[in-house]
Amino acid sequence: MSRLEQIITSMVDIFLEYADDEGRKKQLNKDELKAVLEKEIQSEEFKQKISAEAVEEAMKMIDKNHDGEINFREFCRCVCELAKWYFQQKTGKGGKQGRGREGHEED
């Protein structure tokens, strides 16, 4: 299996494993999301990014329908946010749109 396929299958498997603990099936409540982040994130670099307050904030940000639980689509957004943060840390580049366009006014 390729690295990208491993990432995709791991995301699905992790979500399903934790989503079946309590509450509605195929949904993560705040405690389940916290368990995912605490158990599945091992490096100190990522652990420093994830605090109780960060879990609260993430839950508010990604729970678009405000039902107190996140579905798989919302979980993917959460993982994507962590990936973007890591990309910014690794490259020193932020996610601001329009950067790098200076000097192109005459185009």
N, C-alpha and C. Protein backbone atom coordinates (compact mmCIF):
# COMPACT_ATOMS: atom_id res chain seq x y z
N MET A 1 0.85 -1.18 0.00
CA MET A 1 0.00 0.00 0.00
C MET A 1 0.90 1.24 0.00
N SER A 2 0.54 2.23 -0.78
CA SER A 2 1.32 3.46 -0.85
C SER A 2 1.16 4.27 0.45
N ARG A 3 2.03 5.24 0.65
CA ARG A 3 1.96 6.07 1.86
C ARG A 3 0.64 6.81 1.94
N LEU A 4 0.17 7.35 0.83
CA LEU A 4 -1.09 8.09 0.84
C LEU A 4 -2.27 7.16 1.13
N GLU A 5 -2.24 5.97 0.56
CA GLU A 5 -3.29 4.99 0.87
C GLU A 5 -3.28 4.61 2.35
N GLN A 6 -2.10 4.50 2.93
CA GLN A 6 -1.99 4.19 4.36
C GLN A 6 -2.60 5.31 5.21
N ILE A 7 -2.35 6.54 4.81
CA ILE A 7 -2.91 7.69 5.53
C ILE A 7 -4.43 7.66 5.46
N ILE A 8 -4.95 7.45 4.28
CA ILE A 8 -6.41 7.44 4.09
C ILE A 8 -7.06 6.32 4.90
N THR A 9 -6.53 5.12 4.79
CA THR A 9 -7.14 4.01 5.52
C THR A 9 -6.97 4.19 7.03
N SER A 10 -5.86 4.74 7.46
CA SER A 10 -5.65 5.00 8.89
C SER A 10 -6.66 6.01 9.42
N MET A 11 -6.91 7.08 8.67
CA MET A 11 -7.89 8.08 9.10
C MET A 11 -9.26 7.45 9.29
N VAL A 12 -9.67 6.65 8.33
CA VAL A 12 -10.99 6.00 8.41
C VAL A 12 -11.03 5.03 9.58
N ASP A 13 -10.01 4.19 9.70
CA ASP A 13 -9.97 3.19 10.77
C ASP A 13 -9.97 3.84 12.15
N ILE A 14 -9.18 4.89 12.33
CA ILE A 14 -9.12 5.59 13.62
C ILE A 14 -10.48 6.20 13.94
N PHE A 15 -11.08 6.88 12.98
CA PHE A 15 -12.39 7.49 13.22
C PHE A 15 -13.41 6.44 13.65
N LEU A 16 -13.50 5.34 12.91
CA LEU A 16 -14.48 4.31 13.21
C LEU A 16 -14.22 3.65 14.57
N GLU A 17 -12.97 3.47 14.91
CA GLU A 17 -12.63 2.86 16.21
C GLU A 17 -13.13 3.72 17.37
N TYR A 18 -12.90 5.02 17.31
CA TYR A 18 -13.28 5.90 18.41
C TYR A 18 -14.74 6.31 18.35
N ALA A 19 -15.32 6.36 17.17
CA ALA A 19 -16.71 6.79 17.01
C ALA A 19 -17.69 5.76 17.54
N ASP A 20 -17.26 4.54 17.72
CA ASP A 20 -18.16 3.50 18.20
C ASP A 20 -18.15 3.31 19.72
N ASP A 21 -17.41 4.15 20.43
CA ASP A 21 -17.31 3.99 21.89
C ASP A 21 -18.59 4.35 22.62
N GLU A 22 -19.05 5.57 22.46
CA GLU A 22 -20.27 6.00 23.14
C GLU A 22 -20.97 7.03 22.26
N GLY A 23 -22.19 7.36 22.60
CA GLY A 23 -22.93 8.31 21.78
C GLY A 23 -23.42 7.65 20.50
N ARG A 24 -23.70 8.49 19.50
CA ARG A 24 -24.20 7.97 18.23
C ARG A 24 -23.08 7.30 17.45
N LYS A 25 -23.41 6.23 16.78
CA LYS A 25 -22.42 5.57 15.92
C LYS A 25 -22.03 6.51 14.78
N LYS A 26 -20.80 6.40 14.40
CA LYS A 26 -20.23 7.17 13.29
C LYS A 26 -20.18 8.67 13.61
N GLN A 27 -20.13 9.00 14.91
CA GLN A 27 -19.97 10.38 15.36
C GLN A 27 -18.97 10.37 16.51
N LEU A 28 -18.19 11.43 16.64
CA LEU A 28 -17.29 11.60 17.78
C LEU A 28 -17.82 12.72 18.67
N ASN A 29 -17.98 12.44 19.96
CA ASN A 29 -18.31 13.53 20.87
C ASN A 29 -16.99 14.14 21.35
N LYS A 30 -17.07 15.17 22.19
CA LYS A 30 -15.87 15.88 22.63
C LYS A 30 -14.90 14.94 23.35
N ASP A 31 -15.40 14.07 24.21
CA ASP A 31 -14.52 13.15 24.94
C ASP A 31 -13.84 12.16 23.99
N GLU A 32 -14.57 11.69 22.99
CA GLU A 32 -13.98 10.77 22.01
C GLU A 32 -12.92 11.47 21.17
N LEU A 33 -13.20 12.72 20.77
CA LEU A 33 -12.20 13.49 20.02
C LEU A 33 -10.95 13.68 20.86
N LYS A 34 -11.15 14.01 22.13
CA LYS A 34 -10.01 14.18 23.03
C LYS A 34 -9.22 12.88 23.14
N ALA A 35 -9.91 11.74 23.25
CA ALA A 35 -9.24 10.43 23.33
C ALA A 35 -8.43 10.16 22.07
N VAL A 36 -9.00 10.48 20.91
CA VAL A 36 -8.27 10.29 19.65
C VAL A 36 -6.97 11.09 19.68
N LEU A 37 -7.09 12.36 20.04
CA LEU A 37 -5.92 13.23 20.02
C LEU A 37 -4.88 12.82 21.06
N GLU A 38 -5.34 12.40 22.24
CA GLU A 38 -4.40 11.99 23.29
C GLU A 38 -3.70 10.68 22.96
N LYS A 39 -4.42 9.73 22.40
CA LYS A 39 -3.86 8.40 22.16
C LYS A 39 -3.15 8.27 20.81
N GLU A 40 -3.63 8.98 19.82
CA GLU A 40 -3.10 8.81 18.47
C GLU A 40 -2.03 9.84 18.11
N ILE A 41 -1.85 10.85 18.93
CA ILE A 41 -0.78 11.83 18.71
C ILE A 41 0.31 11.52 19.73
N GLN A 42 1.50 11.19 19.24
CA GLN A 42 2.57 10.75 20.12
C GLN A 42 3.69 11.77 20.28
N SER A 43 4.01 12.53 19.25
CA SER A 43 5.17 13.42 19.32
C SER A 43 4.88 14.64 20.19
N GLU A 44 5.90 15.09 20.89
CA GLU A 44 5.77 16.27 21.75
C GLU A 44 5.43 17.50 20.92
N GLU A 45 5.96 17.56 19.70
CA GLU A 45 5.69 18.69 18.81
C GLU A 45 4.19 18.88 18.61
N PHE A 46 3.48 17.80 18.36
CA PHE A 46 2.03 17.87 18.18
C PHE A 46 1.31 18.00 19.51
N LYS A 47 1.78 17.30 20.53
CA LYS A 47 1.12 17.35 21.84
C LYS A 47 1.09 18.77 22.39
N GLN A 48 2.13 19.56 22.13
CA GLN A 48 2.16 20.95 22.59
C GLN A 48 1.08 21.78 21.91
N LYS A 49 0.70 21.40 20.73
CA LYS A 49 -0.33 22.12 19.97
C LYS A 49 -1.73 21.79 20.49
N ILE A 50 -1.87 20.64 21.15
CA ILE A 50 -3.19 20.15 21.54
C ILE A 50 -3.34 20.20 23.06
N SER A 51 -4.15 21.15 23.52
CA SER A 51 -4.45 21.26 24.94
C SER A 51 -5.94 21.07 25.12
N ALA A 52 -6.40 21.06 26.37
CA ALA A 52 -7.84 20.95 26.62
C ALA A 52 -8.57 22.11 25.96
N GLU A 53 -7.97 23.29 26.03
CA GLU A 53 -8.59 24.47 25.40
C GLU A 53 -8.61 24.31 23.88
N ALA A 54 -7.54 23.73 23.34
CA ALA A 54 -7.48 23.53 21.88
C ALA A 54 -8.55 22.55 21.43
N VAL A 55 -8.81 21.51 22.23
CA VAL A 55 -9.86 20.55 21.89
C VAL A 55 -11.22 21.24 21.90
N GLU A 56 -11.46 22.06 22.92
CA GLU A 56 -12.71 22.83 23.01
C GLU A 56 -12.87 23.71 21.78
N GLU A 57 -11.80 24.44 21.45
CA GLU A 57 -11.83 25.35 20.30
C GLU A 57 -12.03 24.58 19.00
N ALA A 58 -11.32 23.46 18.86
CA ALA A 58 -11.45 22.64 17.65
C ALA A 58 -12.88 22.14 17.52
N MET A 59 -13.46 21.71 18.62
CA MET A 59 -14.83 21.19 18.60
C MET A 59 -15.79 22.28 18.12
N LYS A 60 -15.63 23.50 18.63
CA LYS A 60 -16.50 24.61 18.21
C LYS A 60 -16.29 24.91 16.74
N MET A 61 -15.04 24.89 16.31
CA MET A 61 -14.71 25.26 14.93
C MET A 61 -15.20 24.22 13.93
N ILE A 62 -15.05 22.93 14.24
CA ILE A 62 -15.36 21.91 13.24
C ILE A 62 -16.76 21.33 13.36
N ASP A 63 -17.43 21.55 14.48
CA ASP A 63 -18.80 21.05 14.65
C ASP A 63 -19.76 22.05 14.00
N LYS A 64 -19.82 21.99 12.68
CA LYS A 64 -20.57 22.99 11.90
C LYS A 64 -22.06 22.99 12.20
N ASN A 65 -22.64 21.85 12.53
CA ASN A 65 -24.08 21.82 12.78
C ASN A 65 -24.41 21.95 14.28
N HIS A 66 -23.37 22.17 15.10
CA HIS A 66 -23.52 22.45 16.53
C HIS A 66 -24.34 21.40 17.28
N ASP A 67 -24.11 20.12 16.95
CA ASP A 67 -24.83 19.06 17.65
C ASP A 67 -23.99 18.42 18.75
N GLY A 68 -22.79 18.95 19.00
CA GLY A 68 -21.93 18.43 20.05
C GLY A 68 -21.15 17.19 19.64
N GLU A 69 -21.28 16.80 18.40
CA GLU A 69 -20.55 15.65 17.88
C GLU A 69 -20.02 16.00 16.49
N ILE A 70 -18.96 15.29 16.09
CA ILE A 70 -18.44 15.54 14.76
C ILE A 70 -18.53 14.27 13.92
N ASN A 71 -18.92 14.46 12.68
CA ASN A 71 -19.02 13.33 11.75
C ASN A 71 -17.67 13.16 11.05
N PHE A 72 -17.58 12.23 10.14
CA PHE A 72 -16.31 11.95 9.48
C PHE A 72 -15.80 13.15 8.69
N ARG A 73 -16.68 13.84 8.02
CA ARG A 73 -16.28 15.02 7.24
C ARG A 73 -15.66 16.07 8.17
N GLU A 74 -16.29 16.29 9.31
CA GLU A 74 -15.77 17.26 10.27
C GLU A 74 -14.44 16.77 10.86
N PHE A 75 -14.31 15.47 11.09
CA PHE A 75 -13.05 14.89 11.57
C PHE A 75 -11.93 15.13 10.56
N CYS A 76 -12.24 14.97 9.29
CA CYS A 76 -11.24 15.22 8.24
C CYS A 76 -10.77 16.66 8.28
N ARG A 77 -11.68 17.59 8.53
CA ARG A 77 -11.30 19.00 8.65
C ARG A 77 -10.32 19.20 9.80
N CYS A 78 -10.57 18.51 10.91
CA CYS A 78 -9.70 18.60 12.08
C CYS A 78 -8.29 18.11 11.73
N VAL A 79 -8.21 16.95 11.10
CA VAL A 79 -6.91 16.39 10.71
C VAL A 79 -6.23 17.30 9.70
N CYS A 80 -7.01 17.87 8.80
CA CYS A 80 -6.47 18.79 7.81
C CYS A 80 -5.86 20.02 8.48
N GLU A 81 -6.52 20.54 9.51
CA GLU A 81 -5.99 21.69 10.23
C GLU A 81 -4.66 21.36 10.89
N LEU A 82 -4.55 20.16 11.46
CA LEU A 82 -3.27 19.74 12.04
C LEU A 82 -2.20 19.61 10.96
N ALA A 83 -2.58 19.08 9.81
CA ALA A 83 -1.63 18.95 8.70
C ALA A 83 -1.16 20.32 8.21
N LYS A 84 -2.09 21.27 8.12
CA LYS A 84 -1.71 22.63 7.70
C LYS A 84 -0.77 23.27 8.71
N TRP A 85 -1.06 23.08 10.00
CA TRP A 85 -0.19 23.62 11.04
C TRP A 85 1.20 23.03 10.91
N TYR A 86 1.28 21.69 10.71
CA TYR A 86 2.57 21.03 10.57
C TYR A 86 3.31 21.53 9.33
N PHE A 87 2.61 21.71 8.23
CA PHE A 87 3.22 22.24 7.01
C PHE A 87 3.82 23.62 7.27
N GLN A 88 3.07 24.46 7.96
CA GLN A 88 3.57 25.80 8.28
C GLN A 88 4.80 25.74 9.17
N GLN A 89 4.81 24.82 10.13
CA GLN A 89 5.97 24.66 11.01
C GLN A 89 7.18 24.18 10.21
N LYS A 90 6.97 23.27 9.32
CA LYS A 90 8.07 22.65 8.55
C LYS A 90 8.63 23.59 7.48
N THR A 91 7.77 24.38 6.87
CA THR A 91 8.21 25.23 5.76
C THR A 91 8.37 26.69 6.13
N GLY A 92 7.77 27.09 7.25
CA GLY A 92 7.81 28.50 7.61
C GLY A 92 6.85 29.34 6.80
N LYS A 93 5.99 28.69 6.06
CA LYS A 93 5.03 29.40 5.21
C LYS A 93 3.64 29.30 5.80
N GLY A 94 2.95 30.44 5.82
CA GLY A 94 1.58 30.47 6.33
C GLY A 94 0.58 30.24 5.23
N GLY A 95 -0.66 30.33 5.60
CA GLY A 95 -1.73 30.08 4.65
C GLY A 95 -2.40 31.33 4.14
N LYS A 96 -1.68 32.46 4.14
CA LYS A 96 -2.29 33.71 3.69
C LYS A 96 -2.42 33.73 2.19
N GLN A 97 -3.60 34.05 1.72
CA GLN A 97 -3.84 34.10 0.29
C GLN A 97 -3.27 35.39 -0.28
N GLY A 98 -2.82 35.31 -1.51
CA GLY A 98 -2.34 36.50 -2.18
C GLY A 98 -0.87 36.78 -1.93
N ARG A 99 -0.21 36.03 -1.09
CA ARG A 99 1.21 36.25 -0.83
C ARG A 99 1.99 35.87 -2.08
N GLY A 100 3.10 36.55 -2.25
CA GLY A 100 3.94 36.24 -3.38
C GLY A 100 3.50 36.91 -4.67
N ARG A 101 2.53 37.81 -4.58
CA ARG A 101 2.02 38.48 -5.77
C ARG A 101 2.62 39.87 -5.92
N GLU A 102 3.47 40.31 -4.96
CA GLU A 102 4.05 41.64 -5.06
C GLU A 102 4.86 41.74 -6.34
N GLY A 103 4.84 42.91 -6.94
CA GLY A 103 5.59 43.12 -8.16
C GLY A 103 4.90 42.60 -9.40
N HIS A 104 3.67 42.12 -9.26
CA HIS A 104 2.96 41.58 -10.42
C HIS A 104 1.77 42.45 -10.81
N GLU A 105 1.79 43.71 -10.37
CA GLU A 105 0.65 44.57 -10.66
C GLU A 105 0.49 44.83 -12.16
N GLU A 106 1.60 44.73 -12.90
CA GLU A 106 1.55 45.04 -14.32
C GLU A 106 1.12 43.87 -15.16
N ASP A 107 0.87 42.71 -14.56
CA ASP A 107 0.47 41.51 -15.33
C ASP A 107 -0.81 41.71 -16.07
